Amino acid sequence: MKKLQVGILGATGSVGQRFVQLLDGPPWFELGALFASERSVGKKYKEVAKWFLPYEMPEEAAEMVVKSMNDVDASEKKDIAVMFSALPGSIASEVEKRCAQAGYAVSSNVAVHRMEPDVPLVIPELNTDHLALIEVQKSKRGWDGFIITNPNCSAIVLTMSLKPLMRYGIKEVRVSTMQAVSGAGYAGVPSMAILDNVIPFIGNEEDKMESEPQKILGTMEGSEIKNATFTVCASCHRVPVMDGHTEAVWVKFEESVSEEGVKKAFKNFSTDIKTPFAPEKPIILREEQDRPQPKLDRDAGRGMSISVGRIRGGRMENEVKYIAQGHNTVRGAAGASILNAEVLVERGYI
């Protein structure tokens, strides 16, 4: 299979850099263009990207000349098969729509379109049937291309852990997050604010965690999604960890569920997604009492697996509690968008 060229919108930001790093060598895609704000246009990527990842900047990307997002139109379409979006929310809607109108397949990590009824919000291991919304979207909006999104970085960890438990009838979910600083971007949390500290507020994060899982775990009915009916109550906190979001989760079920039943559900969870970026085991059960931990477990499955552990009964009837952990900028951001794009190729949407 010939590699498909891809573009990155917002290539100089923290998630944009993660896209650049992860796309260095995958068998299905290669970098074709990097787009950023006007202050970076016309300069080499290595001159404008304040590289912060613990990996060397890929040589091919380093020498690429950054293009303007104002120049994204159909003339580039013949070369670029997928446009990955890591744009700031303030400009993402307009730019992504313009790309879709021009015929691009846009695989977005941005929140702005996630909850729109005709936009798929996809975790491939859980809900590829929602890709049927692509044709609804194209027909409704008159676009040659389309937009597909992946969830919020914390919501993706929570939702993946909930999917195997759906068989028991989830009634209510409560979750308390401990989120890494990388989720706020390179300059998102000043060091004097986060060192020796926990910040008990992350703007809009709780709203995303309380709404996105219902759409993802909902069912396709005709040309729309009927949301899952359980409720989610979230409290989100920033902690002094570089990468890896950790979540304490309480799940109340419609029926009695044993700790062993929950462990078995996690152990037996499997998927038919076999693309290069798909992890062999999407969910890894950690048996040790003090796991999962971000330092030990965030890179599981090349950062694409989530880990669960400390499974135990709750104090309320039919309640189980556990810890879930995942890499926020890989599984929760750039890696999720890349996996979505692979599935689009596999399923013939690209």
Protein backbone atom coordinates (compact mmCIF):
# COMPACT_ATOMS: atom_id res chain seq x y z
CA MET A 1 0.00 0.00 0.00
CA LYS A 2 1.37 3.40 -1.00
CA LYS A 3 1.66 5.82 1.89
CA LEU A 4 -0.99 8.55 1.99
CA GLN A 5 0.13 12.11 2.53
CA VAL A 6 -1.40 13.95 5.47
CA GLY A 7 -1.46 17.50 6.75
CA ILE A 8 -1.43 18.84 10.32
CA LEU A 9 -3.42 21.94 11.25
CA GLY A 10 -1.85 23.66 14.25
CA ALA A 11 1.44 21.81 13.87
CA THR A 12 3.52 23.94 16.26
CA GLY A 13 1.38 23.43 19.40
CA SER A 14 1.79 20.65 21.94
CA VAL A 15 -0.68 18.24 20.30
CA GLY A 16 0.54 19.26 16.84
CA GLN A 17 4.05 18.27 17.88
CA ARG A 18 2.76 14.92 19.10
CA PHE A 19 1.20 14.38 15.66
CA VAL A 20 4.55 15.16 14.05
CA GLN A 21 6.35 12.70 16.34
CA LEU A 22 3.83 9.88 15.92
CA LEU A 23 3.62 10.26 12.14
CA ASP A 24 7.36 9.76 11.74
CA GLY A 25 7.43 6.30 10.18
CA PRO A 26 3.89 4.79 10.39
CA PRO A 27 3.31 2.47 7.41
CA TRP A 28 0.11 4.09 6.13
CA PHE A 29 0.81 7.85 6.36
CA GLU A 30 3.55 10.37 5.68
CA LEU A 31 3.72 14.09 6.33
CA GLY A 32 2.75 16.18 3.33
CA ALA A 33 2.18 19.63 4.83
CA LEU A 34 2.34 21.49 8.12
CA PHE A 35 0.00 24.42 8.80
CA ALA A 36 0.23 27.01 11.56
CA SER A 37 -0.50 30.65 12.39
CA GLU A 38 0.69 33.52 10.23
CA ARG A 39 3.73 34.25 12.42
CA SER A 40 5.17 30.85 11.46
CA VAL A 41 4.29 30.85 7.76
CA GLY A 42 7.20 30.64 5.32
CA LYS A 43 9.68 29.47 7.95
CA LYS A 44 11.09 26.01 8.48
CA TYR A 45 9.31 23.98 11.13
CA LYS A 46 12.48 23.67 13.21
CA GLU A 47 12.66 27.46 13.40
CA VAL A 48 9.17 27.98 14.81
CA ALA A 49 8.29 24.87 16.82
CA LYS A 50 9.45 25.10 20.42
CA TRP A 51 9.97 21.34 20.57
CA PHE A 52 9.30 19.95 24.06
CA LEU A 53 8.88 16.21 23.52
CA PRO A 54 11.59 13.83 24.82
CA TYR A 55 12.27 12.69 21.25
CA GLU A 56 14.37 14.23 18.52
CA MET A 57 12.39 16.30 16.06
CA PRO A 58 11.92 14.19 12.89
CA GLU A 59 14.33 15.41 10.23
CA GLU A 60 11.73 15.47 7.46
CA ALA A 61 9.41 17.67 9.49
CA ALA A 62 12.23 19.91 10.70
CA GLU A 63 13.02 21.00 7.14
CA MET A 64 9.40 21.50 6.03
CA VAL A 65 8.25 25.03 5.35
CA VAL A 66 5.15 25.91 7.35
CA LYS A 67 2.09 26.86 5.32
CA SER A 68 -0.74 29.25 6.10
CA MET A 69 -4.10 27.92 7.21
CA ASN A 70 -5.60 30.66 5.07
CA ASP A 71 -4.28 28.81 2.02
CA VAL A 72 -6.07 25.52 2.73
CA ASP A 73 -8.29 24.92 -0.26
CA ALA A 74 -9.06 22.36 -2.94
CA SER A 75 -5.74 22.99 -4.75
CA GLU A 76 -3.90 21.02 -2.05
CA LYS A 77 -6.47 18.22 -2.05
CA LYS A 78 -4.85 16.20 -4.83
CA ASP A 79 -1.84 15.58 -2.59
CA ILE A 80 -3.28 15.34 0.94
CA ALA A 81 -5.63 12.51 1.88
CA VAL A 82 -6.24 13.40 5.56
CA MET A 83 -6.04 16.64 7.49
CA PHE A 84 -5.32 16.20 11.20
CA SER A 85 -6.49 19.07 13.38
CA ALA A 86 -4.78 20.22 16.56
CA LEU A 87 -6.07 23.77 16.29
CA PRO A 88 -7.04 26.10 19.12
CA GLY A 89 -10.78 25.94 19.65
CA SER A 90 -11.18 29.62 18.82
CA ILE A 91 -10.35 29.06 15.14
CA ALA A 92 -10.93 25.32 14.69
CA SER A 93 -14.56 25.50 13.61
CA GLU A 94 -14.01 27.83 10.67
CA VAL A 95 -10.82 26.16 9.42
CA GLU A 96 -12.10 22.59 9.76
CA LYS A 97 -15.33 23.43 7.97
CA ARG A 98 -13.38 25.06 5.17
CA CYS A 99 -11.26 21.93 4.82
CA ALA A 100 -14.34 19.67 4.70
CA GLN A 101 -15.95 21.90 2.09
CA ALA A 102 -12.77 21.62 0.00
CA GLY A 103 -12.99 17.83 0.09
CA TYR A 104 -10.60 16.85 2.87
CA ALA A 105 -11.21 14.10 5.38
CA VAL A 106 -10.63 15.99 8.65
CA SER A 107 -9.64 13.87 11.66
CA SER A 108 -9.94 16.34 14.51
CA ASN A 109 -8.74 16.30 18.09
CA VAL A 110 -10.59 19.54 18.80
CA ALA A 111 -13.77 19.76 20.91
CA VAL A 112 -15.69 22.25 18.81
CA HIS A 113 -17.60 19.77 16.58
CA ARG A 114 -17.70 16.68 18.84
CA MET A 115 -21.27 16.98 20.04
CA GLU A 116 -22.85 18.03 16.74
CA PRO A 117 -25.48 15.41 15.80
CA ASP A 118 -24.03 14.60 12.37
CA VAL A 119 -20.36 14.47 13.40
CA PRO A 120 -18.98 11.05 14.44
CA LEU A 121 -17.30 11.04 17.87
CA VAL A 122 -15.31 7.85 17.56
CA ILE A 123 -13.21 5.42 19.57
CA PRO A 124 -12.70 2.70 16.93
CA GLU A 125 -12.65 -0.19 19.42
CA LEU A 126 -16.08 0.91 20.67
CA ASN A 127 -18.28 2.50 18.01
CA THR A 128 -17.16 2.27 14.38
CA ASP A 129 -20.83 1.93 13.43
CA HIS A 130 -21.11 5.69 14.14
CA LEU A 131 -19.06 6.29 10.99
CA ALA A 132 -22.39 6.02 9.19
CA LEU A 133 -22.87 9.66 10.20
CA ILE A 134 -20.28 10.65 7.60
CA GLU A 135 -22.72 10.22 4.72
CA VAL A 136 -25.42 11.99 6.73
CA GLN A 137 -23.04 14.89 7.32
CA LYS A 138 -21.94 15.17 3.69
CA SER A 139 -25.52 15.06 2.44
CA LYS A 140 -26.82 17.53 5.01
CA ARG A 141 -24.03 20.07 4.59
CA GLY A 142 -23.26 19.61 0.91
CA TRP A 143 -19.58 18.94 1.59
CA ASP A 144 -17.23 16.88 -0.55
CA GLY A 145 -15.21 16.05 2.55
CA PHE A 146 -16.17 15.49 6.18
CA ILE A 147 -15.17 15.92 9.83
CA ILE A 148 -14.64 13.07 12.28
CA THR A 149 -13.60 13.66 15.89
CA ASN A 150 -12.01 11.79 18.77
CA PRO A 151 -13.01 12.41 22.40
CA ASN A 152 -11.54 14.59 25.09
CA CYS A 153 -8.37 13.11 26.59
CA SER A 154 -10.00 12.28 29.93
CA ALA A 155 -13.30 11.16 28.42
CA ILE A 156 -11.53 8.62 26.18
CA VAL A 157 -9.90 6.88 29.17
CA LEU A 158 -13.17 6.78 31.09
CA THR A 159 -15.29 5.66 28.13
CA MET A 160 -12.95 2.85 27.10
CA SER A 161 -13.10 1.49 30.64
CA LEU A 162 -16.91 1.65 30.67
CA LYS A 163 -17.52 -0.22 27.42
CA PRO A 164 -16.83 -3.76 28.77
CA LEU A 165 -19.12 -3.02 31.71
CA MET A 166 -22.14 -2.02 29.62
CA ARG A 167 -23.39 -5.62 29.71
CA TYR A 168 -24.23 -5.20 33.39
CA GLY A 169 -26.43 -2.15 32.86
CA ILE A 170 -24.61 1.02 33.92
CA LYS A 171 -26.86 3.33 35.91
CA GLU A 172 -24.54 6.02 37.19
CA VAL A 173 -20.85 6.95 36.93
CA ARG A 174 -18.81 9.20 39.17
CA VAL A 175 -15.23 10.06 38.30
CA SER A 176 -12.46 12.13 39.84
CA THR A 177 -9.51 12.88 37.56
CA MET A 178 -5.83 13.58 38.20
CA GLN A 179 -4.75 15.13 34.90
CA ALA A 180 -1.22 15.70 33.60
CA VAL A 181 0.07 19.18 32.82
CA SER A 182 0.74 18.31 29.16
CA GLY A 183 -3.03 18.32 28.66
CA ALA A 184 -2.96 22.10 29.08
CA GLY A 185 -0.39 22.65 26.31
CA TYR A 186 3.21 23.75 26.52
CA ALA A 187 2.49 27.03 28.32
CA GLY A 188 -0.88 26.05 29.75
CA VAL A 189 -0.02 25.85 33.46
CA PRO A 190 2.80 28.06 34.84
CA SER A 191 5.36 26.06 36.78
CA MET A 192 4.88 28.20 39.91
CA ALA A 193 1.18 27.32 39.85
CA ILE A 194 1.50 23.54 39.52
CA LEU A 195 4.67 22.64 41.45
CA ASP A 196 3.82 21.50 44.99
CA ASN A 197 0.16 21.93 44.12
CA VAL A 198 -3.10 20.48 42.82
CA ILE A 199 -5.45 22.71 40.85
CA PRO A 200 -9.09 21.63 41.35
CA PHE A 201 -10.46 23.18 38.16
CA ILE A 202 -9.93 22.65 34.42
CA GLY A 203 -12.09 24.82 32.20
CA ASN A 204 -14.91 22.95 30.38
CA GLU A 205 -13.37 19.58 31.25
CA GLU A 206 -16.15 18.35 33.49
CA ASP A 207 -18.80 19.23 30.89
CA LYS A 208 -16.96 17.14 28.28
CA MET A 209 -16.60 14.16 30.60
CA GLU A 210 -20.26 14.32 31.54
CA SER A 211 -21.55 14.43 27.95
CA GLU A 212 -19.15 12.69 25.54
CA PRO A 213 -19.41 9.12 26.95
CA GLN A 214 -23.17 9.05 26.37
CA LYS A 215 -22.74 9.89 22.68
CA ILE A 216 -19.87 7.44 22.16
CA LEU A 217 -21.68 4.59 23.90
CA GLY A 218 -25.01 5.43 22.31
CA THR A 219 -26.63 3.46 19.50
CA MET A 220 -27.20 4.34 15.86
CA GLU A 221 -30.91 4.58 15.10
CA GLY A 222 -31.48 5.41 11.46
CA SER A 223 -29.48 8.54 10.69
CA GLU A 224 -28.88 9.65 14.28
CA ILE A 225 -27.42 8.53 17.59
CA LYS A 226 -29.53 7.75 20.62
CA ASN A 227 -27.35 8.54 23.61
CA ALA A 228 -26.65 6.06 26.38
CA THR A 229 -28.91 6.76 29.35
CA PHE A 230 -26.56 6.55 32.34
CA THR A 231 -25.40 9.73 34.05
CA VAL A 232 -21.82 10.87 34.65
CA CYS A 233 -20.72 13.19 37.46
CA ALA A 234 -17.13 14.41 37.11
CA SER A 235 -14.63 16.41 39.13
CA CYS A 236 -11.42 17.29 37.25
CA HIS A 237 -8.05 18.27 38.72
CA ARG A 238 -4.62 19.21 37.35
CA VAL A 239 -1.68 17.51 39.09
CA PRO A 240 2.13 17.82 38.71
CA VAL A 241 2.56 14.86 36.34
CA MET A 242 4.03 15.41 32.87
CA ASP A 243 2.02 12.84 30.84
CA GLY A 244 -0.76 10.41 31.71
CA HIS A 245 -4.24 11.04 33.12
CA THR A 246 -5.35 8.96 36.10
CA GLU A 247 -9.01 8.59 37.06
CA ALA A 248 -10.79 7.22 40.12
CA VAL A 249 -14.09 5.78 38.88
CA TRP A 250 -17.23 4.67 40.73
CA VAL A 251 -19.84 2.78 38.67
CA LYS A 252 -23.32 1.94 39.93
CA PHE A 253 -25.05 -0.88 38.05
CA GLU A 254 -28.62 -1.93 37.49
CA GLU A 255 -27.76 -5.38 38.85
CA SER A 256 -25.30 -6.94 41.27
CA VAL A 257 -21.78 -7.27 39.87
CA SER A 258 -18.81 -8.92 41.56
CA GLU A 259 -15.24 -7.66 41.54
CA GLU A 260 -14.24 -10.82 39.69
CA GLY A 261 -16.95 -10.21 37.10
CA VAL A 262 -15.57 -6.73 36.41
CA LYS A 263 -12.00 -8.05 36.18
CA LYS A 264 -13.11 -10.74 33.75
CA ALA A 265 -14.93 -8.17 31.62
CA PHE A 266 -11.76 -6.07 31.38
CA LYS A 267 -9.53 -9.10 30.68
CA ASN A 268 -11.78 -10.46 27.94
CA PHE A 269 -12.37 -7.18 26.13
CA SER A 270 -11.20 -7.47 22.53
CA THR A 271 -11.64 -5.69 19.22
CA ASP A 272 -11.53 -6.39 15.51
CA ILE A 273 -9.52 -3.23 14.83
CA LYS A 274 -6.15 -4.43 13.50
CA THR A 275 -4.64 -1.33 11.88
CA PRO A 276 -1.00 -0.35 12.59
CA PHE A 277 -1.85 2.15 15.34
CA ALA A 278 -4.39 -0.08 17.09
CA PRO A 279 -3.05 -1.59 20.33
CA GLU A 280 -3.07 -5.36 20.62
CA LYS A 281 -4.86 -4.98 23.97
CA PRO A 282 -6.93 -1.79 24.26
CA ILE A 283 -7.47 -2.40 27.98
CA ILE A 284 -4.80 -3.85 30.26
CA LEU A 285 -5.72 -5.12 33.72
CA ARG A 286 -3.10 -4.30 36.34
CA GLU A 287 -3.23 -6.83 39.17
CA GLU A 288 -0.80 -5.05 41.52
CA GLN A 289 -2.49 -3.19 44.36
CA ASP A 290 -0.71 0.10 43.62
CA ARG A 291 -1.29 0.19 39.84
CA PRO A 292 -1.94 1.75 37.41
CA GLN A 293 0.52 4.63 37.71
CA PRO A 294 1.32 7.16 34.95
CA LYS A 295 5.07 6.73 35.28
CA LEU A 296 4.82 2.95 34.85
CA ASP A 297 1.80 2.51 32.60
CA ARG A 298 1.21 5.51 30.32
CA ASP A 299 3.27 4.03 27.47
CA ALA A 300 1.42 0.69 27.43
CA GLY A 301 0.60 -0.39 23.90
CA ARG A 302 2.85 2.40 22.59
CA GLY A 303 0.67 4.82 24.55
CA MET A 304 -2.54 3.55 22.93
CA SER A 305 -3.71 1.14 25.66
CA ILE A 306 -5.44 2.20 28.84
CA SER A 307 -4.73 0.47 32.14
CA VAL A 308 -7.23 -0.39 34.87
CA GLY A 309 -6.66 -1.63 38.40
CA ARG A 310 -7.64 -1.44 42.10
CA ILE A 311 -11.01 -2.99 41.31
CA ARG A 312 -13.13 -3.31 44.43
CA GLY A 313 -16.69 -3.12 45.65
CA GLY A 314 -18.14 0.24 46.60
CA ARG A 315 -20.14 1.19 49.67
CA MET A 316 -23.36 1.65 47.72
CA GLU A 317 -25.47 -1.23 46.48
CA ASN A 318 -24.40 -2.65 43.08
CA GLU A 319 -21.35 -0.37 42.99
CA VAL A 320 -17.79 -1.11 41.85
CA LYS A 321 -14.85 1.29 41.92
CA TYR A 322 -11.52 1.20 40.10
CA ILE A 323 -8.62 3.28 38.76
CA ALA A 324 -8.19 3.94 35.02
CA GLN A 325 -5.11 5.51 33.43
CA GLY A 326 -4.04 6.46 29.91
CA HIS A 327 -1.60 8.62 27.95
CA ASN A 328 -3.39 11.90 27.37
CA THR A 329 -1.50 13.20 24.32
CA VAL A 330 -1.20 9.80 22.59
CA ARG A 331 -4.35 7.75 23.25
CA GLY A 332 -6.20 10.87 24.35
CA ALA A 333 -5.21 13.13 21.48
CA ALA A 334 -2.93 12.69 18.44
CA GLY A 335 -2.81 8.88 18.54
CA ALA A 336 -6.60 8.70 18.71
CA SER A 337 -6.93 10.89 15.60
CA ILE A 338 -4.38 8.78 13.72
CA LEU A 339 -6.18 5.56 14.64
CA ASN A 340 -9.46 7.11 13.47
CA ALA A 341 -7.85 7.96 10.14
CA GLU A 342 -6.52 4.42 9.74
CA VAL A 343 -10.02 3.05 10.25
CA LEU A 344 -11.35 5.51 7.68
CA VAL A 345 -8.86 4.09 5.19
CA GLU A 346 -9.65 0.50 6.15
CA ARG A 347 -13.40 1.08 5.80
CA GLY A 348 -13.09 2.85 2.44
CA TYR A 349 -14.03 6.38 3.53
CA ILE A 350 -10.67 7.63 2.23
